[in-house]
PDB file of N, CA and C in Angstrom:
ATOM      1  N   MET A   1     261.018  28.448 -89.928  1.00  0.00           N
ATOM      2  CA  MET A   1     262.020  27.575 -90.023  1.00  0.00           C
ATOM      3  C   MET A   1     263.577  27.653 -89.365  1.00  0.00           C
ATOM      4  N   GLU A   2     264.229  28.742 -90.244  1.00  0.00           N
ATOM      5  CA  GLU A   2     265.626  28.798 -89.401  1.00  0.00           C
ATOM      6  C   GLU A   2     265.576  29.621 -88.465  1.00  0.00           C
ATOM      7  N   LYS A   3     264.834  30.398 -87.845  1.00  0.00           N
ATOM      8  CA  LYS A   3     264.959  31.205 -86.437  1.00  0.00           C
ATOM      9  C   LYS A   3     264.523  30.625 -85.500  1.00  0.00           C
ATOM     10  N   ILE A   4     263.395  29.005 -85.576  1.00  0.00           N
ATOM     11  CA  ILE A   4     263.477  27.742 -84.935  1.00  0.00           C
ATOM     12  C   ILE A   4     264.548  27.099 -84.675  1.00  0.00           C
ATOM     13  N   LYS A   5     265.140  26.968 -85.862  1.00  0.00           N
ATOM     14  CA  LYS A   5     266.923  25.647 -85.715  1.00  0.00           C
ATOM     15  C   LYS A   5     267.523  26.958 -84.434  1.00  0.00           C
ATOM     16  N   GLU A   6     267.743  28.299 -85.185  1.00  0.00           N
ATOM     17  CA  GLU A   6     268.399  29.144 -84.101  1.00  0.00           C
ATOM     18  C   GLU A   6     268.135  28.329 -82.407  1.00  0.00           C
ATOM     19  N   ILE A   7     266.829  28.900 -82.359  1.00  0.00           N
ATOM     20  CA  ILE A   7     266.760  29.132 -81.261  1.00  0.00           C
ATOM     21  C   ILE A   7     266.496  27.633 -80.061  1.00  0.00           C
ATOM     22  N   GLN A   8     266.729  26.475 -81.054  1.00  0.00           N
ATOM     23  CA  GLN A   8     267.118  25.477 -80.484  1.00  0.00           C
ATOM     24  C   GLN A   8     268.672  24.911 -80.209  1.00  0.00           C
ATOM     25  N   LYS A   9     269.194  25.526 -81.116  1.00  0.00           N
ATOM     26  CA  LYS A   9     270.874  25.128 -81.162  1.00  0.00           C
ATOM     27  C   LYS A   9     271.082  26.174 -79.517  1.00  0.00           C
ATOM     28  N   ILE A  10     270.451  27.384 -79.689  1.00  0.00           N
ATOM     29  CA  ILE A  10     270.528  27.847 -77.851  1.00  0.00           C
ATOM     30  C   ILE A  10     270.031  27.535 -76.963  1.00  0.00           C
ATOM     31  N   LEU A  11     269.375  26.669 -77.224  1.00  0.00           N
ATOM     32  CA  LEU A  11     268.476  25.880 -76.015  1.00  0.00           C
ATOM     33  C   LEU A  11     269.448  25.419 -75.956  1.00  0.00           C
ATOM     34  N   ASP A  12     269.791  24.241 -76.983  1.00  0.00           N
ATOM     35  CA  ASP A  12     271.121  22.919 -76.788  1.00  0.00           C
ATOM     36  C   ASP A  12     272.663  23.515 -75.723  1.00  0.00           C
ATOM     37  N   GLU A  13     272.763  23.853 -76.477  1.00  0.00           N
ATOM     38  CA  GLU A  13     274.404  24.570 -75.943  1.00  0.00           C
ATOM     39  C   GLU A  13     274.094  25.282 -74.804  1.00  0.00           C
ATOM     40  N   ASN A  14     273.049  26.036 -74.150  1.00  0.00           N
ATOM     41  CA  ASN A  14     273.380  26.787 -73.286  1.00  0.00           C
ATOM     42  C   ASN A  14     272.508  26.683 -71.705  1.00  0.00           C
ATOM     43  N   VAL A  15     271.386  26.155 -72.205  1.00  0.00           N
ATOM     44  CA  VAL A  15     269.660  25.573 -71.568  1.00  0.00           C
ATOM     45  C   VAL A  15     270.288  24.320 -70.901  1.00  0.00           C
ATOM     46  N   ASN A  16     269.844  23.850 -72.176  1.00  0.00           N
ATOM     47  CA  ASN A  16     270.225  21.929 -72.208  1.00  0.00           C
ATOM     48  C   ASN A  16     271.473  21.567 -70.847  1.00  0.00           C
ATOM     49  N   PRO A  17     272.470  22.024 -71.244  1.00  0.00           N
ATOM     50  CA  PRO A  17     273.641  20.874 -69.850  1.00  0.00           C
ATOM     51  C   PRO A  17     272.662  21.390 -68.830  1.00  0.00           C
ATOM     52  N   ILE A  18     272.116  22.406 -68.631  1.00  0.00           N
ATOM     53  CA  ILE A  18     271.767  22.935 -67.012  1.00  0.00           C
ATOM     54  C   ILE A  18     270.831  21.992 -67.045  1.00  0.00           C
ATOM     55  N   LEU A  19     269.781  21.563 -67.808  1.00  0.00           N
ATOM     56  CA  LEU A  19     268.795  21.078 -67.478  1.00  0.00           C
ATOM     57  C   LEU A  19     268.906  19.018 -66.958  1.00  0.00           C
ATOM     58  N   ALA A  20     269.942  19.338 -68.258  1.00  0.00           N
ATOM     59  CA  ALA A  20     270.512  18.040 -67.679  1.00  0.00           C
ATOM     60  C   ALA A  20     270.612  17.083 -66.097  1.00  0.00           C
ATOM     61  N   ASP A  21     270.966  17.911 -65.766  1.00  0.00           N
ATOM     62  CA  ASP A  21     271.404  18.001 -64.034  1.00  0.00           C
ATOM     63  C   ASP A  21     270.485  17.443 -63.420  1.00  0.00           C
ATOM     64  N   HIS A  22     269.310  17.545 -64.006  1.00  0.00           N
ATOM     65  CA  HIS A  22     267.947  17.592 -63.519  1.00  0.00           C
ATOM     66  C   HIS A  22     267.005  16.456 -63.873  1.00  0.00           C
ATOM     67  N   PHE A  23     267.586  15.706 -64.516  1.00  0.00           N
ATOM     68  CA  PHE A  23     267.523  15.102 -65.957  1.00  0.00           C
ATOM     69  C   PHE A  23     266.177  15.561 -66.780  1.00  0.00           C
ATOM     70  N   GLY A  24     266.601  16.308 -67.351  1.00  0.00           N
ATOM     71  CA  GLY A  24     265.424  17.344 -68.424  1.00  0.00           C
ATOM     72  C   GLY A  24     266.332  17.879 -69.632  1.00  0.00           C
ATOM     73  N   GLY A  25     264.934  18.417 -69.900  1.00  0.00           N
ATOM     74  CA  GLY A  25     265.809  19.661 -71.661  1.00  0.00           C
ATOM     75  C   GLY A  25     264.946  20.648 -71.750  1.00  0.00           C
ATOM     76  N   ALA A  26     265.063  20.996 -72.865  1.00  0.00           N
ATOM     77  CA  ALA A  26     264.528  22.371 -73.206  1.00  0.00           C
ATOM     78  C   ALA A  26     263.758  21.974 -74.638  1.00  0.00           C
ATOM     79  N   GLN A  27     263.301  22.311 -75.166  1.00  0.00           N
ATOM     80  CA  GLN A  27     263.215  21.835 -76.633  1.00  0.00           C
ATOM     81  C   GLN A  27     261.663  23.137 -77.357  1.00  0.00           C
ATOM     82  N   ILE A  28     262.198  23.826 -78.803  1.00  0.00           N
ATOM     83  CA  ILE A  28     261.112  24.671 -79.663  1.00  0.00           C
ATOM     84  C   ILE A  28     260.286  24.015 -79.692  1.00  0.00           C
ATOM     85  N   VAL A  29     258.601  24.327 -79.589  1.00  0.00           N
ATOM     86  CA  VAL A  29     257.879  23.717 -80.800  1.00  0.00           C
ATOM     87  C   VAL A  29     257.170  24.836 -81.799  1.00  0.00           C
ATOM     88  N   GLY A  30     256.882  25.796 -81.369  1.00  0.00           N
ATOM     89  CA  GLY A  30     256.938  27.256 -82.390  1.00  0.00           C
ATOM     90  C   GLY A  30     257.700  28.223 -82.042  1.00  0.00           C
ATOM     91  N   TYR A  31     257.318  29.174 -82.827  1.00  0.00           N
ATOM     92  CA  TYR A  31     257.877  30.449 -82.923  1.00  0.00           C
ATOM     93  C   TYR A  31     256.900  31.339 -84.186  1.00  0.00           C
ATOM     94  N   GLU A  32     255.910  32.265 -83.290  1.00  0.00           N
ATOM     95  CA  GLU A  32     255.578  32.787 -83.600  1.00  0.00           C
ATOM     96  C   GLU A  32     255.047  34.743 -83.258  1.00  0.00           C
ATOM     97  N   ASP A  33     254.829  35.514 -83.826  1.00  0.00           N
ATOM     98  CA  ASP A  33     254.936  36.817 -83.792  1.00  0.00           C
ATOM     99  C   ASP A  33     255.942  37.016 -82.625  1.00  0.00           C
ATOM    100  N   ASN A  34     257.464  36.635 -83.064  1.00  0.00           N
ATOM    101  CA  ASN A  34     258.025  37.141 -82.269  1.00  0.00           C
ATOM    102  C   ASN A  34     258.436  36.012 -80.716  1.00  0.00           C
ATOM    103  N   ILE A  35     257.314  35.193 -80.475  1.00  0.00           N
ATOM    104  CA  ILE A  35     257.334  34.537 -79.515  1.00  0.00           C
ATOM    105  C   ILE A  35     257.804  32.989 -79.561  1.00  0.00           C
ATOM    106  N   ALA A  36     258.448  32.670 -78.599  1.00  0.00           N
ATOM    107  CA  ALA A  36     259.144  31.510 -78.982  1.00  0.00           C
ATOM    108  C   ALA A  36     258.386  30.277 -77.711  1.00  0.00           C
ATOM    109  N   ARG A  37     257.518  29.987 -78.315  1.00  0.00           N
ATOM    110  CA  ARG A  37     257.112  28.054 -77.376  1.00  0.00           C
ATOM    111  C   ARG A  37     258.210  27.205 -77.068  1.00  0.00           C
ATOM    112  N   ILE A  38     258.181  27.025 -75.665  1.00  0.00           N
ATOM    113  CA  ILE A  38     259.145  26.069 -75.309  1.00  0.00           C
ATOM    114  C   ILE A  38     258.483  25.148 -74.731  1.00  0.00           C
ATOM    115  N   ARG A  39     258.970  23.725 -75.222  1.00  0.00           N
ATOM    116  CA  ARG A  39     258.302  22.329 -73.870  1.00  0.00           C
ATOM    117  C   ARG A  39     259.418  21.966 -73.394  1.00  0.00           C
ATOM    118  N   MET A  40     259.584  21.438 -72.324  1.00  0.00           N
ATOM    119  CA  MET A  40     259.810  21.043 -71.375  1.00  0.00           C
ATOM    120  C   MET A  40     259.939  19.408 -71.180  1.00  0.00           C
ATOM    121  N   THR A  41     260.868  18.929 -71.459  1.00  0.00           N
ATOM    122  CA  THR A  41     261.532  17.525 -71.744  1.00  0.00           C
ATOM    123  C   THR A  41     261.684  16.704 -70.373  1.00  0.00           C
ATOM    124  N   GLY A  42     261.879  15.567 -70.367  1.00  0.00           N
ATOM    125  CA  GLY A  42     262.062  14.932 -69.161  1.00  0.00           C
ATOM    126  C   GLY A  42     261.916  14.760 -68.088  1.00  0.00           C
ATOM    127  N   ALA A  43     262.681  14.511 -67.238  1.00  0.00           N
ATOM    128  CA  ALA A  43     261.715  15.372 -65.229  1.00  0.00           C
ATOM    129  C   ALA A  43     261.746  16.823 -65.866  1.00  0.00           C
ATOM    130  N   CYS A  44     262.048  17.174 -66.810  1.00  0.00           N
ATOM    131  CA  CYS A  44     261.810  18.785 -66.049  1.00  0.00           C
ATOM    132  C   CYS A  44     260.350  19.237 -66.803  1.00  0.00           C
ATOM    133  N   ALA A  45     259.010  17.594 -67.386  1.00  0.00           N
ATOM    134  CA  ALA A  45     258.505  18.112 -68.137  1.00  0.00           C
ATOM    135  C   ALA A  45     257.110  18.260 -66.778  1.00  0.00           C
ATOM    136  N   THR A  46     257.130  17.340 -66.238  1.00  0.00           N
ATOM    137  CA  THR A  46     256.679  17.246 -64.938  1.00  0.00           C
ATOM    138  C   THR A  46     256.441  18.284 -64.011  1.00  0.00           C
ATOM    139  N   CYS A  47     257.472  18.868 -63.733  1.00  0.00           N
ATOM    140  CA  CYS A  47     258.129  19.134 -62.899  1.00  0.00           C
ATOM    141  C   CYS A  47     257.503  20.520 -62.282  1.00  0.00           C
ATOM    142  N   PRO A  48     256.920  20.899 -60.743  1.00  0.00           N
ATOM    143  CA  PRO A  48     256.369  21.772 -60.774  1.00  0.00           C
ATOM    144  C   PRO A  48     256.977  23.341 -60.630  1.00  0.00           C
ATOM    145  N   SER A  49     258.090  23.233 -61.134  1.00  0.00           N
ATOM    146  CA  SER A  49     258.777  24.532 -61.057  1.00  0.00           C
ATOM    147  C   SER A  49     259.397  24.507 -62.299  1.00  0.00           C
ATOM    148  N   ALA A  50     258.798  23.730 -63.384  1.00  0.00           N
ATOM    149  CA  ALA A  50     259.015  23.981 -64.680  1.00  0.00           C
ATOM    150  C   ALA A  50     258.603  25.730 -65.575  1.00  0.00           C
ATOM    151  N   ARG A  51     257.389  26.508 -64.619  1.00  0.00           N
ATOM    152  CA  ARG A  51     257.258  27.674 -65.288  1.00  0.00           C
ATOM    153  C   ARG A  51     258.176  28.738 -65.003  1.00  0.00           C
ATOM    154  N   ALA A  52     259.118  28.106 -63.061  1.00  0.00           N
ATOM    155  CA  ALA A  52     259.938  28.838 -63.150  1.00  0.00           C
ATOM    156  C   ALA A  52     260.993  29.250 -63.464  1.00  0.00           C
ATOM    157  N   THR A  53     261.433  27.237 -64.056  1.00  0.00           N
ATOM    158  CA  THR A  53     262.290  27.360 -64.662  1.00  0.00           C
ATOM    159  C   THR A  53     262.601  28.428 -66.494  1.00  0.00           C
ATOM    160  N   ILE A  54     261.444  28.760 -67.208  1.00  0.00           N
ATOM    161  CA  ILE A  54     261.359  28.910 -67.680  1.00  0.00           C
ATOM    162  C   ILE A  54     261.779  30.683 -67.926  1.00  0.00           C
ATOM    163  N   GLU A  55     260.882  31.141 -66.923  1.00  0.00           N
ATOM    164  CA  GLU A  55     261.717  32.480 -66.693  1.00  0.00           C
ATOM    165  C   GLU A  55     262.555  33.196 -66.116  1.00  0.00           C
ATOM    166  N   GLN A  56     263.441  32.052 -65.242  1.00  0.00           N
ATOM    167  CA  GLN A  56     264.722  32.049 -64.887  1.00  0.00           C
ATOM    168  C   GLN A  56     265.798  31.417 -65.625  1.00  0.00           C
ATOM    169  N   ILE A  57     265.421  30.977 -66.437  1.00  0.00           N
ATOM    170  CA  ILE A  57     266.886  29.958 -66.991  1.00  0.00           C
ATOM    171  C   ILE A  57     266.892  30.300 -68.895  1.00  0.00           C
ATOM    172  N   VAL A  58     265.542  29.815 -68.200  1.00  0.00           N
ATOM    173  CA  VAL A  58     265.411  29.639 -70.612  1.00  0.00           C
ATOM    174  C   VAL A  58     265.015  30.977 -71.241  1.00  0.00           C
ATOM    175  N   LYS A  59     263.721  31.625 -70.675  1.00  0.00           N
ATOM    176  CA  LYS A  59     264.420  33.285 -71.503  1.00  0.00           C
ATOM    177  C   LYS A  59     265.156  34.205 -71.337  1.00  0.00           C
ATOM    178  N   GLY A  60     266.158  34.253 -70.173  1.00  0.00           N
ATOM    179  CA  GLY A  60     266.694  35.427 -70.612  1.00  0.00           C
ATOM    180  C   GLY A  60     267.862  34.532 -71.668  1.00  0.00           C
ATOM    181  N   THR A  61     267.960  33.735 -71.419  1.00  0.00           N
ATOM    182  CA  THR A  61     269.121  33.000 -72.553  1.00  0.00           C
ATOM    183  C   THR A  61     268.273  33.222 -73.285  1.00  0.00           C
ATOM    184  N   VAL A  62     267.904  32.699 -74.147  1.00  0.00           N
ATOM    185  CA  VAL A  62     267.233  32.889 -75.570  1.00  0.00           C
ATOM    186  C   VAL A  62     267.097  34.348 -75.827  1.00  0.00           C
ATOM    187  N   MET A  63     266.664  35.525 -74.970  1.00  0.00           N
ATOM    188  CA  MET A  63     265.962  36.365 -75.290  1.00  0.00           C
ATOM    189  C   MET A  63     267.498  36.931 -75.328  1.00  0.00           C
ATOM    190  N   GLY A  64     268.361  36.810 -74.586  1.00  0.00           N
ATOM    191  CA  GLY A  64     270.437  37.342 -74.601  1.00  0.00           C
ATOM    192  C   GLY A  64     270.198  37.415 -75.750  1.00  0.00           C
ATOM    193  N   HIS A  65     270.795  35.979 -76.450  1.00  0.00           N
ATOM    194  CA  HIS A  65     271.512  35.536 -77.564  1.00  0.00           C
ATOM    195  C   HIS A  65     270.664  35.569 -78.714  1.00  0.00           C
ATOM    196  N   CYS A  66     269.435  36.082 -79.244  1.00  0.00           N
ATOM    197  CA  CYS A  66     267.832  36.062 -79.972  1.00  0.00           C
ATOM    198  C   CYS A  66     267.065  37.687 -79.862  1.00  0.00           C
ATOM    199  N   MET A  67     267.913  38.430 -80.194  1.00  0.00           N
ATOM    200  CA  MET A  67     267.652  39.809 -79.849  1.00  0.00           C
ATOM    201  C   MET A  67     265.613  39.735 -80.052  1.00  0.00           C
ATOM    202  N   GLU A  68     265.595  39.160 -81.626  1.00  0.00           N
ATOM    203  CA  GLU A  68     264.575  39.182 -82.153  1.00  0.00           C
ATOM    204  C   GLU A  68     263.018  38.785 -81.372  1.00  0.00           C
ATOM    205  N   VAL A  69     263.509  37.622 -80.265  1.00  0.00           N
ATOM    206  CA  VAL A  69     262.445  37.098 -79.710  1.00  0.00           C
ATOM    207  C   VAL A  69     262.193  38.168 -78.623  1.00  0.00           C
ATOM    208  N   LYS A  70     260.813  38.350 -78.868  1.00  0.00           N
ATOM    209  CA  LYS A  70     260.217  39.055 -77.312  1.00  0.00           C
ATOM    210  C   LYS A  70     259.782  38.452 -76.411  1.00  0.00           C
ATOM    211  N   ASP A  71     259.420  37.024 -76.836  1.00  0.00           N
ATOM    212  CA  ASP A  71     259.063  36.591 -75.572  1.00  0.00           C
ATOM    213  C   ASP A  71     259.504  35.067 -75.338  1.00  0.00           C
ATOM    214  N   VAL A  72     259.614  34.517 -74.350  1.00  0.00           N
ATOM    215  CA  VAL A  72     259.109  33.020 -74.174  1.00  0.00           C
ATOM    216  C   VAL A  72     257.961  32.094 -73.182  1.00  0.00           C
ATOM    217  N   VAL A  73     257.524  31.489 -73.822  1.00  0.00           N
ATOM    218  CA  VAL A  73     256.826  31.219 -73.006  1.00  0.00           C
ATOM    219  C   VAL A  73     256.621  29.383 -73.245  1.00  0.00           C
ATOM    220  N   LEU A  74     256.248  28.756 -71.304  1.00  0.00           N
ATOM    221  CA  LEU A  74     255.716  27.073 -71.399  1.00  0.00           C
ATOM    222  C   LEU A  74     254.605  26.919 -72.918  1.00  0.00           C
ATOM    223  N   ASP A  75     255.221  25.925 -73.287  1.00  0.00           N
ATOM    224  CA  ASP A  75     254.149  25.213 -73.868  1.00  0.00           C
ATOM    225  C   ASP A  75     253.313  23.876 -73.096  1.00  0.00           C
ATOM    226  N   THR A  76     252.403  23.691 -72.756  1.00  0.00           N
ATOM    227  CA  THR A  76     251.637  22.672 -71.774  1.00  0.00           C
ATOM    228  C   THR A  76     250.837  21.897 -72.901  1.00  0.00           C
ATOM    229  N   GLU A  77     251.127  22.045 -73.962  1.00  0.00           N
ATOM    230  CA  GLU A  77     250.371  20.877 -74.618  1.00  0.00           C
ATOM    231  C   GLU A  77     250.440  19.580 -74.358  1.00  0.00           C
ATOM    232  N   VAL A  78     249.942  18.481 -74.624  1.00  0.00           N
ATOM    233  CA  VAL A  78     250.131  17.165 -74.827  1.00  0.00           C
ATOM    234  C   VAL A  78     250.483  16.398 -75.544  1.00  0.00           C
ATOM    235  N   SER A  79     252.348  16.207 -75.769  1.00  0.00           N
ATOM    236  CA  SER A  79     253.152  15.411 -77.174  1.00  0.00           C
ATOM    237  C   SER A  79     252.445  15.052 -77.568  1.00  0.00           C
ATOM    238  N   ASP A  80     252.193  14.363 -79.170  1.00  0.00           N
ATOM    239  CA  ASP A  80     252.123  13.292 -79.505  1.00  0.00           C
ATOM    240  C   ASP A  80     252.563  12.017 -78.709  1.00  0.00           C
ATOM    241  N   ASP A  81     253.606  12.187 -78.745  1.00  0.00           N
ATOM    242  CA  ASP A  81     254.634  10.505 -78.381  1.00  0.00           C
ATOM    243  C   ASP A  81     253.513   9.935 -77.196  1.00  0.00           C
ATOM    244  N   LEU A  82     253.756  11.130 -76.320  1.00  0.00           N
ATOM    245  CA  LEU A  82     253.018  10.970 -74.603  1.00  0.00           C
ATOM    246  C   LEU A  82     251.059  10.628 -75.248  1.00  0.00           C
ATOM    247  N   MET A  83     250.539  10.896 -75.956  1.00  0.00           N
ATOM    248  CA  MET A  83     249.416  10.962 -76.303  1.00  0.00           C
ATOM    249  C   MET A  83     249.254   8.855 -76.645  1.00  0.00           C
ATOM    250  N   GLU A  84     250.026   8.568 -77.448  1.00  0.00           N
ATOM    251  CA  GLU A  84     250.033   7.569 -78.306  1.00  0.00           C
ATOM    252  C   GLU A  84     250.580   7.085 -77.126  1.00  0.00           C
ATOM    253  N   MET A  85     251.439   6.754 -76.390  1.00  0.00           N
ATOM    254  CA  MET A  85     251.534   6.322 -75.160  1.00  0.00           C
ATOM    255  C   MET A  85     250.610   5.804 -74.727  1.00  0.00           C
ATOM    256  N   ALA A  86     249.803   6.936 -74.181  1.00  0.00           N
ATOM    257  CA  ALA A  86     248.929   6.744 -73.084  1.00  0.00           C
ATOM    258  C   ALA A  86     247.727   5.906 -73.485  1.00  0.00           C
ATOM    259  N   LYS A  87     247.549   6.066 -74.584  1.00  0.00           N
ATOM    260  CA  LYS A  87     246.537   5.374 -75.923  1.00  0.00           C
ATOM    261  C   LYS A  87     247.101   3.722 -75.261  1.00  0.00           C
ATOM    262  N   LYS A  88     248.099   3.352 -75.988  1.00  0.00           N
ATOM    263  CA  LYS A  88     248.151   2.165 -75.953  1.00  0.00           C
ATOM    264  C   LYS A  88     248.604   1.197 -74.233  1.00  0.00           C
ATOM    265  N   LEU A  89     248.371   2.618 -73.102  1.00  0.00           N
ATOM    266  CA  LEU A  89     248.778   1.953 -72.014  1.00  0.00           C
ATOM    267  C   LEU A  89     246.604   1.689 -71.533  1.00  0.00           C
ATOM    268  N   MET A  90     246.022   2.682 -72.157  1.00  0.00           N
ATOM    269  CA  MET A  90     244.465   2.248 -72.070  1.00  0.00           C
ATOM    270  C   MET A  90     244.297   1.185 -72.579  1.00  0.00           C
ATOM    271  N   CYS A  91     244.481   0.461 -73.881  1.00  0.00           N
ATOM    272  CA  CYS A  91     244.282  -0.302 -74.177  1.00  0.00           C
ATOM    273  C   CYS A  91     244.918  -1.593 -74.125  1.00  0.00           C
ATOM    274  N   LYS A  92     246.019  -1.329 -73.620  1.00  0.00           N
ATOM    275  CA  LYS A  92     246.972  -2.679 -73.003  1.00  0.00           C
ATOM    276  C   LYS A  92     247.540  -3.011 -73.905  1.00  0.00           C
ATOM    277  N   GLU A  93     248.408  -2.327 -74.693  1.00  0.00           N
ATOM    278  CA  GLU A  93     248.811  -2.861 -75.774  1.00  0.00           C
ATOM    279  C   GLU A  93     250.645  -3.379 -75.450  1.00  0.00           C
TER     280      GLU A  93
END
């Protein structure tokens, strides 16, 4: 849990200000076996360049600040919030 907080701080201070210019952000959703799973948020979540952003901006920044991280991967699972919103739309709530 401490490593997740550390990585999120790195994202908040070094990556999210850049992504905010594109109305998006990055959030850590998991950390296991020295691999950080990052979910893109806002406009970045649906951007076709999300994988490139992970590779070109997020990965180097996180790994440069936290030597224990061996890889950074894009998490493409649908968030619980989005699922709830979709259910409400489908049920016309």
